[in-house]
Every structure is written in C-alpha cells, then in structure tokens.
Amino acid sequence: MPLPSLSPEQRAAALQKAAEVRKARADLKEQLKNGQVTLAELLDRAESDDVIGKLKVVTVLQALPGIGKVKATQTMEKLKIADSRRLRGLGEQQRKALLNEFAA
C-alpha cells in the first residue's frame, strides 16, 4: 500500500508536529532526570497524554537518575517487559513492578 502523497503544506505541518512531539519528549526526559517529575507521575499520565504514552519504557528508565542502558535493559529483562513496550502498553502488574523497583 503506497503512502499518501502530501502537499508541501501538509508535509511542512507534519514535520512541525513531529518536531514539537520530539521536543516535548526530550523535555519530559530532562524533567525526569532532574527529579521534577517522578516515574509514578509519568505512568499515571501515560493513559491520557499521547506524548507520554508513546514513550518507550526503556527510554524512560534510561532517563532516571543513575540508570544507564545496561541497568535499564537488565531491569526490563528481570521484570519481563519487552524492549518494544511503550508506557501506555504496560499492564497493571508491570506498572507495579516498575514502581517497586524504582521506589524513591
């Protein structure tokens, strides 16, 4: 199935929207790293906020202070959460396990 052709205006609008979403996600990760927002708050907001809901879990874990790629990956494996899982797609048990793992 071919992609729909977009007019130059539609393409520019889509690029602008994508840039805004990337900026919002980067800001959220920075707030998480600085402690301005908690993992619990992000998980609560994931259901209603598309920007947060579409963040990959591993990316969010890497944004936590003191957590790098290795620790994030090990935690995901330990909790049996797929690498491709996004915040909105987490089950209740997975949410609880993440909060227990990273309780402040």
N, C-alpha and C. Protein backbone atom coordinates (compact mmCIF):
# COMPACT_ATOMS: atom_id res chain seq x y z
N MET A 1 0.84 -1.17 0.00
CA MET A 1 0.00 0.00 0.00
C MET A 1 0.89 1.23 0.00
N PRO A 2 0.83 2.06 -1.02
CA PRO A 2 1.69 3.23 -1.09
C PRO A 2 1.27 4.30 -0.09
N LEU A 3 2.25 5.08 0.31
CA LEU A 3 1.97 6.19 1.22
C LEU A 3 1.19 7.27 0.48
N PRO A 4 0.30 7.96 1.18
CA PRO A 4 -0.44 9.04 0.50
C PRO A 4 0.51 10.19 0.17
N SER A 5 0.26 10.82 -0.97
CA SER A 5 1.11 11.97 -1.30
C SER A 5 0.59 13.19 -0.56
N LEU A 6 1.53 13.94 -0.03
CA LEU A 6 1.18 15.12 0.75
C LEU A 6 1.56 16.37 -0.03
N SER A 7 0.77 17.38 0.15
CA SER A 7 1.11 18.66 -0.45
C SER A 7 2.28 19.24 0.36
N PRO A 8 2.99 20.18 -0.19
CA PRO A 8 4.10 20.80 0.58
C PRO A 8 3.65 21.38 1.92
N GLU A 9 2.43 21.93 1.96
CA GLU A 9 1.92 22.49 3.21
C GLU A 9 1.65 21.39 4.23
N GLN A 10 1.07 20.29 3.77
CA GLN A 10 0.80 19.16 4.67
C GLN A 10 2.11 18.56 5.19
N ARG A 11 3.08 18.44 4.31
CA ARG A 11 4.38 17.90 4.71
C ARG A 11 5.04 18.80 5.76
N ALA A 12 4.99 20.10 5.53
CA ALA A 12 5.58 21.05 6.48
C ALA A 12 4.87 20.98 7.83
N ALA A 13 3.54 20.84 7.80
CA ALA A 13 2.77 20.75 9.05
C ALA A 13 3.13 19.46 9.80
N ALA A 14 3.28 18.36 9.07
CA ALA A 14 3.64 17.09 9.70
C ALA A 14 5.04 17.16 10.30
N LEU A 15 5.96 17.78 9.60
CA LEU A 15 7.32 17.93 10.13
C LEU A 15 7.33 18.80 11.38
N GLN A 16 6.54 19.86 11.36
CA GLN A 16 6.44 20.75 12.51
C GLN A 16 5.87 20.01 13.72
N LYS A 17 4.82 19.23 13.50
CA LYS A 17 4.19 18.47 14.58
C LYS A 17 5.18 17.45 15.15
N ALA A 18 5.91 16.77 14.29
CA ALA A 18 6.89 15.77 14.74
C ALA A 18 7.99 16.43 15.57
N ALA A 19 8.43 17.60 15.16
CA ALA A 19 9.47 18.32 15.90
C ALA A 19 8.95 18.72 17.28
N GLU A 20 7.70 19.16 17.35
CA GLU A 20 7.10 19.55 18.63
C GLU A 20 7.00 18.35 19.58
N VAL A 21 6.61 17.19 19.05
CA VAL A 21 6.49 15.98 19.86
C VAL A 21 7.87 15.55 20.38
N ARG A 22 8.88 15.58 19.51
CA ARG A 22 10.25 15.23 19.93
C ARG A 22 10.73 16.16 21.03
N LYS A 23 10.45 17.44 20.90
CA LYS A 23 10.85 18.43 21.91
C LYS A 23 10.14 18.15 23.23
N ALA A 24 8.85 17.84 23.17
CA ALA A 24 8.08 17.56 24.39
C ALA A 24 8.62 16.32 25.09
N ARG A 25 8.96 15.28 24.32
CA ARG A 25 9.52 14.07 24.91
C ARG A 25 10.88 14.34 25.53
N ALA A 26 11.71 15.12 24.85
CA ALA A 26 13.03 15.46 25.39
C ALA A 26 12.88 16.25 26.70
N ASP A 27 11.93 17.17 26.74
CA ASP A 27 11.68 17.95 27.96
C ASP A 27 11.24 17.05 29.11
N LEU A 28 10.36 16.10 28.80
CA LEU A 28 9.88 15.17 29.83
C LEU A 28 11.04 14.34 30.40
N LYS A 29 11.89 13.84 29.51
CA LYS A 29 13.03 13.03 29.97
C LYS A 29 13.98 13.88 30.81
N GLU A 30 14.14 15.13 30.44
CA GLU A 30 15.01 16.03 31.22
C GLU A 30 14.41 16.29 32.60
N GLN A 31 13.09 16.50 32.66
CA GLN A 31 12.42 16.70 33.94
C GLN A 31 12.54 15.46 34.82
N LEU A 32 12.45 14.29 34.22
CA LEU A 32 12.60 13.04 34.97
C LEU A 32 14.02 12.92 35.52
N LYS A 33 14.99 13.25 34.69
CA LYS A 33 16.39 13.18 35.11
C LYS A 33 16.68 14.16 36.25
N ASN A 34 16.05 15.33 36.21
CA ASN A 34 16.28 16.36 37.24
C ASN A 34 15.40 16.18 38.47
N GLY A 35 14.51 15.20 38.46
CA GLY A 35 13.66 14.95 39.61
C GLY A 35 12.44 15.85 39.70
N GLN A 36 12.15 16.59 38.64
CA GLN A 36 10.98 17.47 38.64
C GLN A 36 9.69 16.69 38.45
N VAL A 37 9.81 15.49 37.88
CA VAL A 37 8.67 14.62 37.66
C VAL A 37 9.10 13.21 38.07
N THR A 38 8.18 12.42 38.60
CA THR A 38 8.53 11.08 39.05
C THR A 38 8.02 10.03 38.05
N LEU A 39 8.56 8.84 38.19
CA LEU A 39 8.12 7.73 37.34
C LEU A 39 6.63 7.46 37.56
N ALA A 40 6.19 7.53 38.81
CA ALA A 40 4.77 7.30 39.12
C ALA A 40 3.88 8.33 38.41
N GLU A 41 4.30 9.58 38.38
CA GLU A 41 3.52 10.62 37.70
C GLU A 41 3.43 10.35 36.21
N LEU A 42 4.56 9.94 35.62
CA LEU A 42 4.56 9.64 34.19
C LEU A 42 3.62 8.47 33.89
N LEU A 43 3.69 7.44 34.71
CA LEU A 43 2.83 6.28 34.49
C LEU A 43 1.36 6.65 34.62
N ASP A 44 1.04 7.53 35.56
CA ASP A 44 -0.35 7.98 35.72
C ASP A 44 -0.83 8.79 34.52
N ARG A 45 0.04 9.61 33.99
CA ARG A 45 -0.33 10.48 32.87
C ARG A 45 -0.28 9.77 31.52
N ALA A 46 0.31 8.58 31.46
CA ALA A 46 0.51 7.89 30.18
C ALA A 46 -0.80 7.56 29.47
N GLU A 47 -1.84 7.25 30.22
CA GLU A 47 -3.12 6.87 29.60
C GLU A 47 -3.79 8.03 28.89
N SER A 48 -3.63 9.23 29.41
CA SER A 48 -4.35 10.37 28.85
C SER A 48 -3.50 11.26 27.94
N ASP A 49 -2.18 11.14 28.03
CA ASP A 49 -1.29 12.00 27.27
C ASP A 49 -0.55 11.19 26.21
N ASP A 50 -0.82 11.48 24.92
CA ASP A 50 -0.20 10.74 23.83
C ASP A 50 1.33 10.84 23.83
N VAL A 51 1.85 12.01 24.15
CA VAL A 51 3.30 12.21 24.14
C VAL A 51 3.97 11.26 25.14
N ILE A 52 3.39 11.16 26.32
CA ILE A 52 3.94 10.29 27.36
C ILE A 52 3.64 8.83 27.05
N GLY A 53 2.43 8.54 26.65
CA GLY A 53 2.00 7.17 26.40
C GLY A 53 2.81 6.46 25.33
N LYS A 54 3.33 7.22 24.39
CA LYS A 54 4.08 6.61 23.29
C LYS A 54 5.58 6.52 23.55
N LEU A 55 6.02 6.94 24.73
CA LEU A 55 7.43 6.80 25.08
C LEU A 55 7.75 5.34 25.36
N LYS A 56 8.89 4.87 24.89
CA LYS A 56 9.30 3.50 25.19
C LYS A 56 9.74 3.43 26.65
N VAL A 57 9.40 2.32 27.30
CA VAL A 57 9.72 2.13 28.72
C VAL A 57 11.22 2.21 28.93
N VAL A 58 11.99 1.56 28.07
CA VAL A 58 13.45 1.54 28.24
C VAL A 58 14.03 2.96 28.17
N THR A 59 13.47 3.80 27.33
CA THR A 59 13.93 5.19 27.21
C THR A 59 13.65 5.96 28.50
N VAL A 60 12.48 5.73 29.07
CA VAL A 60 12.12 6.39 30.33
C VAL A 60 13.05 5.93 31.44
N LEU A 61 13.32 4.63 31.50
CA LEU A 61 14.21 4.11 32.55
C LEU A 61 15.60 4.71 32.42
N GLN A 62 16.08 4.85 31.20
CA GLN A 62 17.41 5.43 30.97
C GLN A 62 17.46 6.90 31.39
N ALA A 63 16.31 7.56 31.41
CA ALA A 63 16.27 8.96 31.81
C ALA A 63 16.27 9.12 33.33
N LEU A 64 16.02 8.03 34.06
CA LEU A 64 16.05 8.12 35.51
C LEU A 64 17.48 8.36 35.99
N PRO A 65 17.65 9.15 37.05
CA PRO A 65 19.00 9.42 37.56
C PRO A 65 19.70 8.13 37.99
N GLY A 66 20.92 7.95 37.51
CA GLY A 66 21.73 6.80 37.90
C GLY A 66 21.42 5.52 37.15
N ILE A 67 20.54 5.58 36.16
CA ILE A 67 20.19 4.39 35.38
C ILE A 67 20.71 4.59 33.96
N GLY A 68 21.52 3.65 33.52
CA GLY A 68 22.04 3.70 32.16
C GLY A 68 21.41 2.63 31.29
N LYS A 69 22.00 2.44 30.12
CA LYS A 69 21.46 1.46 29.18
C LYS A 69 21.49 0.05 29.75
N VAL A 70 22.60 -0.32 30.37
CA VAL A 70 22.75 -1.68 30.88
C VAL A 70 21.75 -1.97 32.00
N LYS A 71 21.67 -1.08 32.97
CA LYS A 71 20.75 -1.26 34.11
C LYS A 71 19.30 -1.27 33.62
N ALA A 72 18.98 -0.39 32.68
CA ALA A 72 17.61 -0.34 32.14
C ALA A 72 17.27 -1.65 31.44
N THR A 73 18.18 -2.15 30.63
CA THR A 73 17.95 -3.40 29.91
C THR A 73 17.82 -4.57 30.87
N GLN A 74 18.69 -4.63 31.88
CA GLN A 74 18.63 -5.71 32.87
C GLN A 74 17.30 -5.67 33.63
N THR A 75 16.86 -4.49 33.98
CA THR A 75 15.60 -4.34 34.71
C THR A 75 14.42 -4.79 33.85
N MET A 76 14.44 -4.41 32.58
CA MET A 76 13.37 -4.81 31.66
C MET A 76 13.31 -6.34 31.56
N GLU A 77 14.47 -6.98 31.45
CA GLU A 77 14.52 -8.45 31.36
C GLU A 77 14.02 -9.07 32.66
N LYS A 78 14.48 -8.53 33.79
CA LYS A 78 14.09 -9.04 35.11
C LYS A 78 12.58 -8.98 35.31
N LEU A 79 11.98 -7.88 34.86
CA LEU A 79 10.54 -7.67 35.04
C LEU A 79 9.70 -8.24 33.89
N LYS A 80 10.40 -8.86 32.93
CA LYS A 80 9.75 -9.47 31.77
C LYS A 80 8.89 -8.46 30.98
N ILE A 81 9.53 -7.33 30.69
CA ILE A 81 8.89 -6.29 29.87
C ILE A 81 9.64 -6.25 28.54
N ALA A 82 8.92 -6.37 27.44
CA ALA A 82 9.53 -6.37 26.11
C ALA A 82 10.23 -5.04 25.82
N ASP A 83 11.32 -5.11 25.06
CA ASP A 83 12.07 -3.90 24.69
C ASP A 83 11.22 -2.89 23.92
N SER A 84 10.25 -3.39 23.18
CA SER A 84 9.43 -2.51 22.34
C SER A 84 8.23 -1.92 23.09
N ARG A 85 8.04 -2.29 24.35
CA ARG A 85 6.86 -1.85 25.11
C ARG A 85 6.90 -0.35 25.35
N ARG A 86 5.75 0.27 25.20
CA ARG A 86 5.60 1.70 25.47
C ARG A 86 4.83 1.88 26.77
N LEU A 87 4.93 3.07 27.36
CA LEU A 87 4.30 3.29 28.66
C LEU A 87 2.81 2.97 28.66
N ARG A 88 2.12 3.38 27.63
CA ARG A 88 0.67 3.14 27.58
C ARG A 88 0.35 1.65 27.51
N GLY A 89 1.26 0.85 26.98
CA GLY A 89 1.02 -0.58 26.81
C GLY A 89 1.35 -1.44 28.01
N LEU A 90 1.81 -0.82 29.10
CA LEU A 90 2.15 -1.59 30.29
C LEU A 90 0.90 -2.10 30.99
N GLY A 91 0.99 -3.33 31.48
CA GLY A 91 -0.11 -3.89 32.28
C GLY A 91 0.00 -3.40 33.71
N GLU A 92 -1.02 -3.64 34.48
CA GLU A 92 -1.04 -3.18 35.87
C GLU A 92 0.09 -3.79 36.69
N GLN A 93 0.34 -5.09 36.50
CA GLN A 93 1.41 -5.76 37.24
C GLN A 93 2.79 -5.21 36.85
N GLN A 94 2.96 -4.90 35.57
CA GLN A 94 4.23 -4.34 35.11
C GLN A 94 4.45 -2.95 35.70
N ARG A 95 3.40 -2.16 35.77
CA ARG A 95 3.49 -0.82 36.39
C ARG A 95 3.91 -0.94 37.85
N LYS A 96 3.24 -1.84 38.58
CA LYS A 96 3.56 -2.03 39.99
C LYS A 96 5.00 -2.50 40.16
N ALA A 97 5.44 -3.42 39.31
CA ALA A 97 6.81 -3.94 39.40
C ALA A 97 7.83 -2.83 39.14
N LEU A 98 7.56 -1.98 38.17
CA LEU A 98 8.46 -0.85 37.89
C LEU A 98 8.52 0.11 39.07
N LEU A 99 7.37 0.43 39.62
CA LEU A 99 7.33 1.36 40.77
C LEU A 99 8.04 0.76 41.97
N ASN A 100 7.88 -0.54 42.21
CA ASN A 100 8.58 -1.19 43.31
C ASN A 100 10.09 -1.18 43.09
N GLU A 101 10.50 -1.40 41.85
CA GLU A 101 11.92 -1.45 41.50
C GLU A 101 12.57 -0.08 41.69
N PHE A 102 11.86 0.96 41.33
CA PHE A 102 12.45 2.31 41.35
C PHE A 102 11.81 3.22 42.39
N ALA A 103 11.27 2.64 43.45
CA ALA A 103 10.67 3.45 44.52
C ALA A 103 11.74 4.36 45.13
N ALA A 104 11.40 5.62 45.25
CA ALA A 104 12.38 6.59 45.75
C ALA A 104 12.41 6.61 47.26
